């Protein structure tokens, strides 16, 4: 029935009223089950309920673990002894002391954000950002602007990104063909964009160094 579709409004409204997240989700689930139950037995409804919980956990477990890990790393990276250790290990390896070298570094490797690679912010890249922040003397805003490039490239040119996957399916384009042809654009756009950010920062009043 049409009123079952109102379930999407329940979390929005209740969260806006400062209700706790878990009870809000449970209320929404119970509403969805109650409004769609006619025509099903109680056993079938129960199986759908627990099946939805299991499937949802499988879908969000990866993201939840990333968020948990990133939170731990953010706290740890702010500890002086950890900062000192990271500076000794990563400082000589990462080009995070020269603005131009950093722009070239990010531009050359921006394509590595696809398939949740090492430069994907929602993935291993989140750890790399924290490591860079701990050892760099560059302006954090400048660092984050550079990291916006691989994040943007992944949204537009990663064949595994949901929007791109749907578009590829609708256009009936082979995913491997898309990935191969898009690779050149990822490299070129990534390099040009990071160099562009480096070039315009002084005109925008964004200092290179903290």
N, C-alpha and C. Protein backbone atom coordinates (compact mmCIF):
# COMPACT_ATOMS: atom_id res chain seq x y z
N UNK A 1 0.82 -1.21 0.00
CA UNK A 1 0.00 0.00 0.00
C UNK A 1 0.86 1.27 0.00
N UNK A 2 0.25 2.37 -0.44
CA UNK A 2 1.02 3.60 -0.58
C UNK A 2 1.59 4.10 0.74
N UNK A 3 0.86 3.89 1.83
CA UNK A 3 1.33 4.42 3.11
C UNK A 3 2.55 3.67 3.64
N UNK A 4 2.84 2.49 3.07
CA UNK A 4 4.06 1.79 3.46
C UNK A 4 5.30 2.56 3.01
N UNK A 5 5.15 3.33 1.92
CA UNK A 5 6.28 4.11 1.40
C UNK A 5 6.67 5.26 2.32
N UNK A 6 5.80 5.59 3.29
CA UNK A 6 6.11 6.66 4.23
C UNK A 6 7.20 6.27 5.22
N UNK A 7 7.60 4.99 5.18
CA UNK A 7 8.61 4.51 6.11
C UNK A 7 9.91 5.30 6.01
N UNK A 8 10.20 5.80 4.83
CA UNK A 8 11.46 6.54 4.65
C UNK A 8 11.46 7.86 5.43
N UNK A 9 10.27 8.38 5.74
CA UNK A 9 10.18 9.65 6.47
C UNK A 9 10.37 9.46 7.97
N UNK A 10 10.11 8.26 8.47
CA UNK A 10 10.17 8.03 9.92
C UNK A 10 11.56 8.33 10.49
N UNK A 11 12.64 7.75 9.94
CA UNK A 11 13.96 8.08 10.50
C UNK A 11 14.31 9.56 10.40
N UNK A 12 13.91 10.19 9.29
CA UNK A 12 14.24 11.61 9.09
C UNK A 12 13.57 12.47 10.15
N UNK A 13 12.28 12.23 10.36
CA UNK A 13 11.52 13.04 11.31
C UNK A 13 11.99 12.79 12.74
N UNK A 14 12.12 11.51 13.12
CA UNK A 14 12.48 11.19 14.49
C UNK A 14 13.91 11.61 14.82
N UNK A 15 14.83 11.46 13.85
CA UNK A 15 16.21 11.91 14.10
C UNK A 15 16.26 13.43 14.23
N UNK A 16 15.41 14.12 13.48
CA UNK A 16 15.35 15.59 13.60
C UNK A 16 14.83 15.99 14.98
N UNK A 17 14.02 15.13 15.59
CA UNK A 17 13.50 15.39 16.93
C UNK A 17 14.43 14.86 18.03
N UNK A 18 15.65 14.47 17.64
CA UNK A 18 16.70 14.04 18.58
C UNK A 18 16.41 12.70 19.24
N UNK A 19 15.66 11.82 18.55
CA UNK A 19 15.47 10.48 19.07
C UNK A 19 16.74 9.67 18.86
N UNK A 20 17.06 8.70 19.73
CA UNK A 20 18.24 7.86 19.52
C UNK A 20 18.14 7.06 18.22
N UNK A 21 19.28 6.81 17.59
CA UNK A 21 19.30 6.21 16.26
C UNK A 21 18.75 4.79 16.23
N UNK A 22 19.16 3.95 17.18
CA UNK A 22 18.76 2.54 17.13
C UNK A 22 17.25 2.37 17.32
N UNK A 23 16.62 3.01 18.33
CA UNK A 23 15.16 2.90 18.42
C UNK A 23 14.44 3.43 17.18
N UNK A 24 14.98 4.48 16.58
CA UNK A 24 14.37 5.04 15.37
C UNK A 24 14.36 4.01 14.25
N UNK A 25 15.49 3.33 14.06
CA UNK A 25 15.56 2.31 13.00
C UNK A 25 14.62 1.15 13.29
N UNK A 26 14.54 0.75 14.54
CA UNK A 26 13.62 -0.34 14.90
C UNK A 26 12.17 0.06 14.66
N UNK A 27 11.81 1.28 15.02
CA UNK A 27 10.45 1.76 14.78
C UNK A 27 10.14 1.75 13.28
N UNK A 28 11.08 2.22 12.48
CA UNK A 28 10.87 2.24 11.03
C UNK A 28 10.71 0.82 10.47
N UNK A 29 11.52 -0.10 10.97
CA UNK A 29 11.41 -1.49 10.50
C UNK A 29 10.07 -2.10 10.88
N UNK A 30 9.64 -1.86 12.12
CA UNK A 30 8.35 -2.42 12.57
C UNK A 30 7.19 -1.82 11.79
N UNK A 31 7.30 -0.51 11.48
CA UNK A 31 6.25 0.13 10.68
C UNK A 31 6.19 -0.50 9.29
N UNK A 32 7.36 -0.71 8.70
CA UNK A 32 7.40 -1.30 7.35
C UNK A 32 6.81 -2.70 7.35
N UNK A 33 7.13 -3.48 8.39
CA UNK A 33 6.59 -4.84 8.47
C UNK A 33 5.08 -4.82 8.69
N UNK A 34 4.62 -3.94 9.58
CA UNK A 34 3.19 -3.88 9.91
C UNK A 34 2.36 -3.47 8.71
N UNK A 35 2.87 -2.52 7.92
CA UNK A 35 2.08 -2.00 6.79
C UNK A 35 2.15 -2.91 5.57
N UNK A 36 3.10 -3.83 5.56
CA UNK A 36 3.20 -4.74 4.41
C UNK A 36 2.86 -6.18 4.79
N UNK A 37 2.42 -6.40 6.03
CA UNK A 37 2.16 -7.75 6.51
C UNK A 37 0.93 -8.41 5.91
N UNK A 38 -0.15 -7.67 5.59
CA UNK A 38 -1.33 -8.34 5.03
C UNK A 38 -0.98 -9.23 3.84
N UNK A 39 -1.44 -10.48 3.90
CA UNK A 39 -1.13 -11.43 2.83
C UNK A 39 0.04 -12.33 3.18
N UNK A 40 0.72 -12.05 4.32
CA UNK A 40 1.83 -12.89 4.75
C UNK A 40 1.51 -13.50 6.11
N UNK A 41 2.10 -14.66 6.37
CA UNK A 41 1.95 -15.26 7.69
C UNK A 41 2.95 -14.61 8.64
N UNK A 42 2.73 -14.82 9.93
CA UNK A 42 3.64 -14.26 10.93
C UNK A 42 5.04 -14.83 10.75
N UNK A 43 5.14 -16.11 10.41
CA UNK A 43 6.44 -16.75 10.22
C UNK A 43 7.20 -16.09 9.06
N UNK A 44 6.50 -15.84 7.96
CA UNK A 44 7.13 -15.19 6.81
C UNK A 44 7.60 -13.78 7.15
N UNK A 45 6.78 -13.07 7.92
CA UNK A 45 7.15 -11.71 8.34
C UNK A 45 8.38 -11.74 9.23
N UNK A 46 8.41 -12.70 10.14
CA UNK A 46 9.56 -12.83 11.04
C UNK A 46 10.84 -13.13 10.25
N UNK A 47 10.73 -14.00 9.25
CA UNK A 47 11.91 -14.34 8.43
C UNK A 47 12.40 -13.13 7.65
N UNK A 48 11.46 -12.32 7.15
CA UNK A 48 11.85 -11.11 6.43
C UNK A 48 12.56 -10.15 7.37
N UNK A 49 12.04 -10.03 8.60
CA UNK A 49 12.62 -9.11 9.58
C UNK A 49 14.06 -9.48 9.89
N UNK A 50 14.28 -10.74 10.25
CA UNK A 50 15.64 -11.15 10.61
C UNK A 50 16.54 -11.22 9.38
N UNK A 51 15.96 -11.54 8.23
CA UNK A 51 16.75 -11.55 7.00
C UNK A 51 17.23 -10.16 6.63
N UNK A 52 16.36 -9.15 6.87
CA UNK A 52 16.74 -7.76 6.58
C UNK A 52 17.88 -7.31 7.48
N UNK A 53 17.83 -7.70 8.76
CA UNK A 53 18.90 -7.34 9.69
C UNK A 53 20.22 -7.96 9.24
N UNK A 54 20.18 -9.24 8.88
CA UNK A 54 21.39 -9.94 8.45
C UNK A 54 21.98 -9.32 7.19
N UNK A 55 21.12 -9.05 6.20
CA UNK A 55 21.59 -8.47 4.95
C UNK A 55 22.14 -7.06 5.16
N UNK A 56 21.47 -6.27 6.00
CA UNK A 56 21.93 -4.91 6.27
C UNK A 56 23.30 -4.93 6.95
N UNK A 57 23.48 -5.87 7.89
CA UNK A 57 24.77 -5.95 8.57
C UNK A 57 25.88 -6.30 7.58
N UNK A 58 25.60 -7.22 6.67
CA UNK A 58 26.60 -7.59 5.67
C UNK A 58 26.96 -6.41 4.78
N UNK A 59 25.99 -5.54 4.51
CA UNK A 59 26.23 -4.40 3.63
C UNK A 59 27.03 -3.30 4.32
N UNK A 60 26.78 -3.08 5.60
CA UNK A 60 27.41 -1.93 6.27
C UNK A 60 28.60 -2.31 7.14
N UNK A 61 28.85 -3.61 7.32
CA UNK A 61 29.94 -4.02 8.22
C UNK A 61 31.27 -3.44 7.77
N UNK A 62 31.53 -3.48 6.45
CA UNK A 62 32.81 -2.98 5.93
C UNK A 62 32.98 -1.49 6.23
N UNK A 63 31.93 -0.71 5.93
CA UNK A 63 32.00 0.74 6.17
C UNK A 63 32.10 1.03 7.67
N UNK A 64 31.35 0.28 8.47
CA UNK A 64 31.39 0.50 9.93
C UNK A 64 32.78 0.22 10.48
N UNK A 65 33.43 -0.82 10.01
CA UNK A 65 34.77 -1.14 10.48
C UNK A 65 35.77 -0.08 10.04
N UNK A 66 35.59 0.46 8.83
CA UNK A 66 36.48 1.53 8.37
C UNK A 66 36.32 2.75 9.27
N UNK A 67 35.06 3.11 9.57
CA UNK A 67 34.82 4.27 10.43
C UNK A 67 35.42 4.06 11.81
N UNK A 68 35.26 2.86 12.34
CA UNK A 68 35.81 2.56 13.66
C UNK A 68 37.33 2.64 13.64
N UNK A 69 37.95 2.06 12.59
CA UNK A 69 39.41 2.07 12.48
C UNK A 69 39.94 3.48 12.31
N UNK A 70 39.25 4.28 11.47
CA UNK A 70 39.68 5.66 11.24
C UNK A 70 39.59 6.46 12.54
N UNK A 71 38.53 6.25 13.29
CA UNK A 71 38.40 6.95 14.58
C UNK A 71 39.54 6.61 15.52
N UNK A 72 39.90 5.33 15.59
CA UNK A 72 41.02 4.91 16.44
C UNK A 72 42.32 5.55 15.97
N UNK A 73 42.53 5.58 14.65
CA UNK A 73 43.76 6.14 14.10
C UNK A 73 43.84 7.64 14.32
N UNK A 74 42.69 8.32 14.22
CA UNK A 74 42.68 9.77 14.43
C UNK A 74 43.09 10.10 15.86
N UNK A 75 42.59 9.32 16.82
CA UNK A 75 42.96 9.55 18.21
C UNK A 75 44.44 9.21 18.43
N UNK A 76 44.87 8.07 17.86
CA UNK A 76 46.25 7.64 18.05
C UNK A 76 47.24 8.61 17.39
N UNK A 77 46.86 9.13 16.21
CA UNK A 77 47.77 10.02 15.48
C UNK A 77 48.01 11.33 16.20
N UNK A 78 47.16 11.65 17.17
CA UNK A 78 47.31 12.91 17.91
C UNK A 78 48.17 12.74 19.15
N UNK A 79 48.57 11.49 19.44
CA UNK A 79 49.43 11.23 20.60
C UNK A 79 50.87 11.56 20.23
N UNK A 80 51.55 12.38 21.03
CA UNK A 80 52.90 12.84 20.66
C UNK A 80 53.87 11.72 20.30
N UNK A 81 53.87 10.61 21.08
CA UNK A 81 54.81 9.53 20.81
C UNK A 81 54.52 8.85 19.48
N UNK A 82 53.22 8.79 19.11
CA UNK A 82 52.84 8.19 17.83
C UNK A 82 53.24 9.12 16.69
N UNK A 83 53.01 10.42 16.87
CA UNK A 83 53.41 11.40 15.86
C UNK A 83 54.91 11.32 15.59
N UNK A 84 55.68 11.20 16.66
CA UNK A 84 57.14 11.14 16.50
C UNK A 84 57.54 9.89 15.73
N UNK A 85 56.91 8.76 16.06
CA UNK A 85 57.25 7.51 15.38
C UNK A 85 56.85 7.57 13.90
N UNK A 86 55.66 8.10 13.62
CA UNK A 86 55.20 8.21 12.23
C UNK A 86 56.07 9.15 11.43
N UNK A 87 56.54 10.22 12.09
CA UNK A 87 57.41 11.17 11.39
C UNK A 87 58.72 10.51 10.97
N UNK A 88 59.25 9.66 11.84
CA UNK A 88 60.52 9.00 11.53
C UNK A 88 60.36 7.96 10.43
N UNK A 89 59.22 7.26 10.44
CA UNK A 89 59.02 6.18 9.47
C UNK A 89 58.53 6.71 8.12
N UNK A 90 57.52 7.60 8.17
CA UNK A 90 56.87 8.04 6.93
C UNK A 90 57.43 9.35 6.40
N UNK A 91 58.03 10.15 7.28
CA UNK A 91 58.54 11.45 6.84
C UNK A 91 59.49 11.38 5.67
N UNK A 92 60.49 10.48 5.71
CA UNK A 92 61.43 10.40 4.58
C UNK A 92 60.83 9.81 3.31
N UNK A 93 59.68 9.13 3.43
CA UNK A 93 59.10 8.42 2.28
C UNK A 93 58.07 9.27 1.55
N UNK A 94 57.20 9.93 2.30
CA UNK A 94 56.11 10.70 1.68
C UNK A 94 56.58 12.12 1.37
N UNK A 95 56.32 12.60 0.14
CA UNK A 95 56.72 13.97 -0.24
C UNK A 95 55.72 15.00 0.27
N UNK A 96 55.70 15.17 1.58
CA UNK A 96 54.67 16.03 2.19
C UNK A 96 55.27 17.29 2.79
N UNK A 97 56.46 17.67 2.34
CA UNK A 97 57.07 18.90 2.85
C UNK A 97 57.20 19.98 1.77
N UNK A 98 57.05 19.58 0.51
CA UNK A 98 57.13 20.53 -0.60
C UNK A 98 55.79 20.57 -1.32
N UNK A 99 55.17 21.74 -1.43
CA UNK A 99 53.82 21.83 -2.03
C UNK A 99 53.75 21.31 -3.46
N UNK A 100 54.72 21.64 -4.30
CA UNK A 100 54.70 21.21 -5.69
C UNK A 100 54.92 19.70 -5.81
N UNK A 101 55.90 19.18 -5.07
CA UNK A 101 56.15 17.74 -5.10
C UNK A 101 54.93 16.97 -4.61
N UNK A 102 54.27 17.53 -3.60
CA UNK A 102 53.07 16.87 -3.08
C UNK A 102 51.96 16.87 -4.12
N UNK A 103 51.82 17.98 -4.85
CA UNK A 103 50.81 18.06 -5.91
C UNK A 103 51.11 17.05 -7.01
N UNK A 104 52.37 16.91 -7.40
CA UNK A 104 52.76 15.93 -8.42
C UNK A 104 52.51 14.52 -7.92
N UNK A 105 52.88 14.27 -6.67
CA UNK A 105 52.67 12.95 -6.06
C UNK A 105 51.20 12.56 -6.08
N UNK A 106 50.33 13.48 -5.65
CA UNK A 106 48.90 13.20 -5.62
C UNK A 106 48.34 13.08 -7.03
N UNK A 107 48.84 13.90 -7.96
CA UNK A 107 48.34 13.84 -9.32
C UNK A 107 48.69 12.55 -10.03
N UNK A 108 49.91 12.07 -9.82
CA UNK A 108 50.36 10.84 -10.47
C UNK A 108 49.60 9.62 -9.94
N UNK A 109 49.27 9.64 -8.65
CA UNK A 109 48.66 8.47 -8.02
C UNK A 109 47.16 8.63 -7.73
N UNK A 110 46.56 9.71 -8.20
CA UNK A 110 45.13 9.93 -7.92
C UNK A 110 44.26 8.81 -8.49
N UNK A 111 44.71 8.22 -9.60
CA UNK A 111 43.92 7.14 -10.23
C UNK A 111 43.79 5.93 -9.30
N UNK A 112 44.68 5.82 -8.29
CA UNK A 112 44.68 4.64 -7.42
C UNK A 112 43.53 4.64 -6.41
N UNK A 113 42.58 5.53 -6.61
CA UNK A 113 41.40 5.52 -5.73
C UNK A 113 40.34 4.54 -6.22
N UNK A 114 40.46 4.07 -7.46
CA UNK A 114 39.43 3.16 -7.99
C UNK A 114 39.54 1.80 -7.32
N UNK A 115 38.44 1.07 -7.36
CA UNK A 115 38.35 -0.25 -6.72
C UNK A 115 38.74 -0.18 -5.24
N UNK A 116 38.43 0.96 -4.60
CA UNK A 116 38.76 1.17 -3.19
C UNK A 116 40.25 0.92 -2.95
N UNK A 117 41.07 1.48 -3.82
CA UNK A 117 42.51 1.33 -3.72
C UNK A 117 43.10 2.19 -2.61
N UNK A 118 44.43 2.31 -2.57
CA UNK A 118 45.09 3.01 -1.46
C UNK A 118 44.79 4.49 -1.37
N UNK A 119 44.23 5.09 -2.44
CA UNK A 119 43.91 6.51 -2.40
C UNK A 119 42.40 6.74 -2.32
N UNK A 120 41.64 5.71 -2.00
CA UNK A 120 40.20 5.86 -1.80
C UNK A 120 39.95 6.32 -0.37
N UNK A 121 39.32 7.49 -0.22
CA UNK A 121 39.10 8.04 1.12
C UNK A 121 38.22 7.12 1.96
N UNK A 122 37.21 6.50 1.32
CA UNK A 122 36.38 5.53 2.03
C UNK A 122 37.05 4.17 1.91
N UNK A 123 38.22 4.04 2.52
CA UNK A 123 39.00 2.83 2.41
C UNK A 123 40.40 3.09 2.94
N UNK A 124 41.40 2.46 2.35
CA UNK A 124 42.78 2.63 2.85
C UNK A 124 43.26 4.07 2.82
N UNK A 125 42.70 4.89 1.92
CA UNK A 125 43.14 6.27 1.83
C UNK A 125 42.92 7.06 3.10
N UNK A 126 41.90 6.70 3.88
CA UNK A 126 41.64 7.42 5.13
C UNK A 126 42.81 7.26 6.09
N UNK A 127 43.44 6.09 6.08
CA UNK A 127 44.61 5.86 6.93
C UNK A 127 45.79 6.68 6.42
N UNK A 128 45.93 6.74 5.08
CA UNK A 128 47.03 7.48 4.48
C UNK A 128 46.93 8.98 4.76
N UNK A 129 45.70 9.51 4.75
CA UNK A 129 45.50 10.93 5.06
C UNK A 129 45.96 11.23 6.48
N UNK A 130 45.56 10.38 7.42
CA UNK A 130 45.93 10.59 8.81
C UNK A 130 47.45 10.53 8.98
N UNK A 131 48.07 9.58 8.28
CA UNK A 131 49.52 9.47 8.35
C UNK A 131 50.19 10.72 7.81
N UNK A 132 49.66 11.24 6.70
CA UNK A 132 50.22 12.46 6.11
C UNK A 132 50.06 13.65 7.05
N UNK A 133 48.89 13.76 7.65
CA UNK A 133 48.64 14.88 8.55
C UNK A 133 49.60 14.87 9.75
N UNK A 134 50.01 13.66 10.12
CA UNK A 134 50.87 13.55 11.29
C UNK A 134 52.31 13.95 11.00
N UNK A 135 52.73 13.88 9.72
CA UNK A 135 54.14 14.12 9.41
C UNK A 135 54.37 15.37 8.56
N UNK A 136 53.32 16.00 8.07
CA UNK A 136 53.50 17.12 7.15
C UNK A 136 53.53 18.47 7.86
N UNK A 137 54.21 19.41 7.22
CA UNK A 137 54.15 20.80 7.68
C UNK A 137 53.32 21.65 6.73
N UNK A 138 52.62 20.97 5.81
CA UNK A 138 51.75 21.67 4.87
C UNK A 138 50.43 22.05 5.54
N UNK A 139 49.77 23.04 4.97
CA UNK A 139 48.46 23.49 5.45
C UNK A 139 47.46 22.33 5.31
N UNK A 140 46.77 21.95 6.39
CA UNK A 140 45.79 20.86 6.30
C UNK A 140 44.75 21.09 5.20
N UNK A 141 44.34 22.36 4.99
CA UNK A 141 43.38 22.65 3.93
C UNK A 141 43.96 22.31 2.56
N UNK A 142 45.22 22.63 2.36
CA UNK A 142 45.89 22.32 1.10
C UNK A 142 45.96 20.80 0.89
N UNK A 143 46.28 20.07 1.95
CA UNK A 143 46.34 18.61 1.87
C UNK A 143 44.98 18.03 1.51
N UNK A 144 43.94 18.52 2.15
CA UNK A 144 42.59 18.00 1.90
C UNK A 144 42.10 18.37 0.49
N UNK A 145 42.48 19.54 0.01
CA UNK A 145 42.12 19.91 -1.37
C UNK A 145 42.75 18.92 -2.35
N UNK A 146 43.99 18.53 -2.10
CA UNK A 146 44.63 17.55 -2.97
C UNK A 146 43.94 16.19 -2.88
N UNK A 147 43.50 15.85 -1.69
CA UNK A 147 42.81 14.56 -1.53
C UNK A 147 41.41 14.56 -2.13
N UNK A 148 40.87 15.75 -2.38
CA UNK A 148 39.55 15.79 -3.02
C UNK A 148 39.63 15.32 -4.46
N UNK A 149 40.83 15.33 -5.05
CA UNK A 149 40.97 14.92 -6.46
C UNK A 149 40.75 13.42 -6.62
N UNK A 150 41.48 12.54 -5.91
CA UNK A 150 41.18 11.11 -6.06
C UNK A 150 39.75 10.75 -5.64
N UNK A 151 39.22 11.47 -4.64
CA UNK A 151 37.84 11.21 -4.23
C UNK A 151 36.87 11.52 -5.36
N UNK A 152 37.09 12.64 -6.07
CA UNK A 152 36.22 13.03 -7.17
C UNK A 152 36.37 12.09 -8.36
N UNK A 153 37.60 11.68 -8.63
CA UNK A 153 37.83 10.77 -9.76
C UNK A 153 37.14 9.43 -9.52
N UNK A 154 37.14 8.99 -8.27
CA UNK A 154 36.49 7.71 -7.99
C UNK A 154 34.98 7.80 -8.23
N UNK A 155 34.40 8.94 -7.87
CA UNK A 155 32.96 9.10 -8.07
C UNK A 155 32.61 9.08 -9.55
N UNK A 156 33.44 9.72 -10.37
CA UNK A 156 33.09 9.85 -11.78
C UNK A 156 33.62 8.76 -12.68
N UNK A 157 34.71 8.06 -12.27
CA UNK A 157 35.37 7.16 -13.22
C UNK A 157 35.65 5.76 -12.69
N UNK A 158 35.15 5.45 -11.50
CA UNK A 158 35.34 4.10 -10.95
C UNK A 158 34.17 3.22 -11.38
N UNK A 159 34.43 2.14 -12.14
CA UNK A 159 33.32 1.30 -12.61
C UNK A 159 32.59 0.58 -11.49
N UNK A 160 33.19 0.49 -10.29
CA UNK A 160 32.52 -0.19 -9.18
C UNK A 160 31.68 0.77 -8.35
N UNK A 161 31.78 2.07 -8.60
CA UNK A 161 30.94 3.04 -7.89
C UNK A 161 29.48 2.85 -8.32
N UNK A 162 28.57 2.91 -7.36
CA UNK A 162 27.17 2.57 -7.64
C UNK A 162 26.60 3.33 -8.83
N UNK A 163 26.77 4.65 -8.83
CA UNK A 163 26.22 5.46 -9.92
C UNK A 163 26.80 5.08 -11.26
N UNK A 164 28.11 4.83 -11.30
CA UNK A 164 28.74 4.44 -12.56
C UNK A 164 28.29 3.05 -13.00
N UNK A 165 28.16 2.14 -12.03
CA UNK A 165 27.72 0.79 -12.36
C UNK A 165 26.32 0.80 -12.98
N UNK A 166 25.44 1.61 -12.41
CA UNK A 166 24.08 1.72 -12.97
C UNK A 166 24.12 2.32 -14.38
N UNK A 167 24.93 3.36 -14.54
CA UNK A 167 25.03 4.01 -15.85
C UNK A 167 25.60 3.06 -16.90
N UNK A 168 26.63 2.32 -16.51
CA UNK A 168 27.22 1.34 -17.44
C UNK A 168 26.19 0.30 -17.84
N UNK A 169 25.40 -0.15 -16.86
CA UNK A 169 24.36 -1.14 -17.16
C UNK A 169 23.30 -0.60 -18.09
N UNK A 170 22.84 0.63 -17.81
CA UNK A 170 21.80 1.24 -18.65
C UNK A 170 22.31 1.51 -20.07
N UNK A 171 23.57 1.91 -20.17
CA UNK A 171 24.15 2.22 -21.48
C UNK A 171 24.61 0.97 -22.22
N UNK A 172 24.53 -0.18 -21.51
CA UNK A 172 24.96 -1.46 -22.10
C UNK A 172 26.42 -1.39 -22.59
N UNK A 173 27.27 -0.83 -21.72
CA UNK A 173 28.70 -0.74 -22.01
C UNK A 173 29.42 -1.79 -21.17
N UNK A 174 30.40 -2.45 -21.74
CA UNK A 174 31.16 -3.44 -21.01
C UNK A 174 31.99 -2.75 -19.92
N UNK A 175 31.94 -3.27 -18.70
CA UNK A 175 32.62 -2.64 -17.56
C UNK A 175 34.14 -2.59 -17.78
N UNK A 176 34.71 -3.65 -18.36
CA UNK A 176 36.15 -3.67 -18.60
C UNK A 176 36.55 -2.63 -19.65
N UNK A 177 35.69 -2.46 -20.66
CA UNK A 177 35.96 -1.43 -21.68
C UNK A 177 35.93 -0.04 -21.06
N UNK A 178 34.93 0.19 -20.22
CA UNK A 178 34.82 1.48 -19.53
C UNK A 178 36.07 1.73 -18.67
N UNK A 179 36.48 0.71 -17.90
CA UNK A 179 37.63 0.86 -17.00
C UNK A 179 38.90 1.17 -17.78
N UNK A 180 39.08 0.48 -18.93
CA UNK A 180 40.29 0.68 -19.73
C UNK A 180 40.34 2.08 -20.33
N UNK A 181 39.22 2.50 -20.91
CA UNK A 181 39.19 3.83 -21.54
C UNK A 181 39.23 4.95 -20.52
N UNK A 182 38.64 4.71 -19.38
CA UNK A 182 38.61 5.76 -18.35
C UNK A 182 39.96 5.93 -17.66
N UNK A 183 40.82 4.92 -17.77
CA UNK A 183 42.11 5.00 -17.07
C UNK A 183 42.92 6.21 -17.52
N UNK A 184 42.97 6.43 -18.83
CA UNK A 184 43.73 7.57 -19.36
C UNK A 184 43.18 8.87 -18.80
N UNK A 185 41.84 8.98 -18.76
CA UNK A 185 41.22 10.20 -18.25
C UNK A 185 41.52 10.37 -16.76
N UNK A 186 41.55 9.28 -16.02
CA UNK A 186 41.87 9.37 -14.59
C UNK A 186 43.27 9.95 -14.38
N UNK A 187 44.23 9.43 -15.15
CA UNK A 187 45.61 9.89 -15.00
C UNK A 187 45.74 11.35 -15.40
N UNK A 188 45.19 11.70 -16.57
CA UNK A 188 45.33 13.07 -17.09
C UNK A 188 44.61 14.07 -16.19
N UNK A 189 43.35 13.78 -15.86
CA UNK A 189 42.57 14.71 -15.05
C UNK A 189 43.15 14.84 -13.64
N UNK A 190 43.60 13.73 -13.08
CA UNK A 190 44.19 13.78 -11.75
C UNK A 190 45.42 14.66 -11.72
N UNK A 191 46.30 14.49 -12.68
CA UNK A 191 47.54 15.26 -12.72
C UNK A 191 47.26 16.74 -12.95
N UNK A 192 46.40 17.04 -13.93
CA UNK A 192 46.11 18.44 -14.25
C UNK A 192 45.38 19.14 -13.11
N UNK A 193 44.49 18.42 -12.44
CA UNK A 193 43.71 19.04 -11.36
C UNK A 193 44.58 19.36 -10.15
N UNK A 194 45.45 18.44 -9.76
CA UNK A 194 46.31 18.72 -8.61
C UNK A 194 47.27 19.87 -8.91
N UNK A 195 47.79 19.92 -10.14
CA UNK A 195 48.65 21.04 -10.50
C UNK A 195 47.87 22.35 -10.53
N UNK A 196 46.60 22.26 -10.97
CA UNK A 196 45.75 23.45 -10.97
C UNK A 196 45.50 23.96 -9.56
N UNK A 197 45.26 23.04 -8.61
CA UNK A 197 45.05 23.45 -7.22
C UNK A 197 46.31 24.12 -6.67
N UNK A 198 47.46 23.52 -6.97
CA UNK A 198 48.73 24.11 -6.52
C UNK A 198 48.90 25.53 -7.08
N UNK A 199 48.51 25.72 -8.34
CA UNK A 199 48.72 27.01 -8.99
C UNK A 199 47.79 28.09 -8.47
N UNK A 200 46.55 27.73 -8.14
CA UNK A 200 45.57 28.77 -7.78
C UNK A 200 45.52 29.07 -6.29
N UNK A 201 46.10 28.20 -5.46
CA UNK A 201 46.03 28.42 -4.01
C UNK A 201 46.54 29.80 -3.59
N UNK A 202 47.71 30.27 -4.13
CA UNK A 202 48.17 31.61 -3.73
C UNK A 202 47.17 32.71 -4.09
N UNK A 203 46.47 32.57 -5.22
CA UNK A 203 45.52 33.58 -5.63
C UNK A 203 44.25 33.56 -4.77
N UNK A 204 43.97 32.40 -4.16
CA UNK A 204 42.80 32.25 -3.31
C UNK A 204 43.13 32.56 -1.84
N UNK A 205 44.37 32.91 -1.59
CA UNK A 205 44.77 33.21 -0.21
C UNK A 205 44.94 32.00 0.66
N UNK A 206 45.14 30.82 0.05
CA UNK A 206 45.33 29.58 0.81
C UNK A 206 46.83 29.31 0.91
N UNK A 207 47.40 29.42 2.09
CA UNK A 207 48.85 29.20 2.24
C UNK A 207 49.20 27.74 2.07
N UNK A 208 50.40 27.50 1.56
CA UNK A 208 50.86 26.12 1.41
C UNK A 208 51.22 25.48 2.74
N UNK A 209 51.73 26.28 3.66
CA UNK A 209 52.22 25.74 4.92
C UNK A 209 51.34 26.14 6.09
N UNK A 210 51.35 25.29 7.08
CA UNK A 210 50.50 25.53 8.27
C UNK A 210 51.05 26.70 9.07
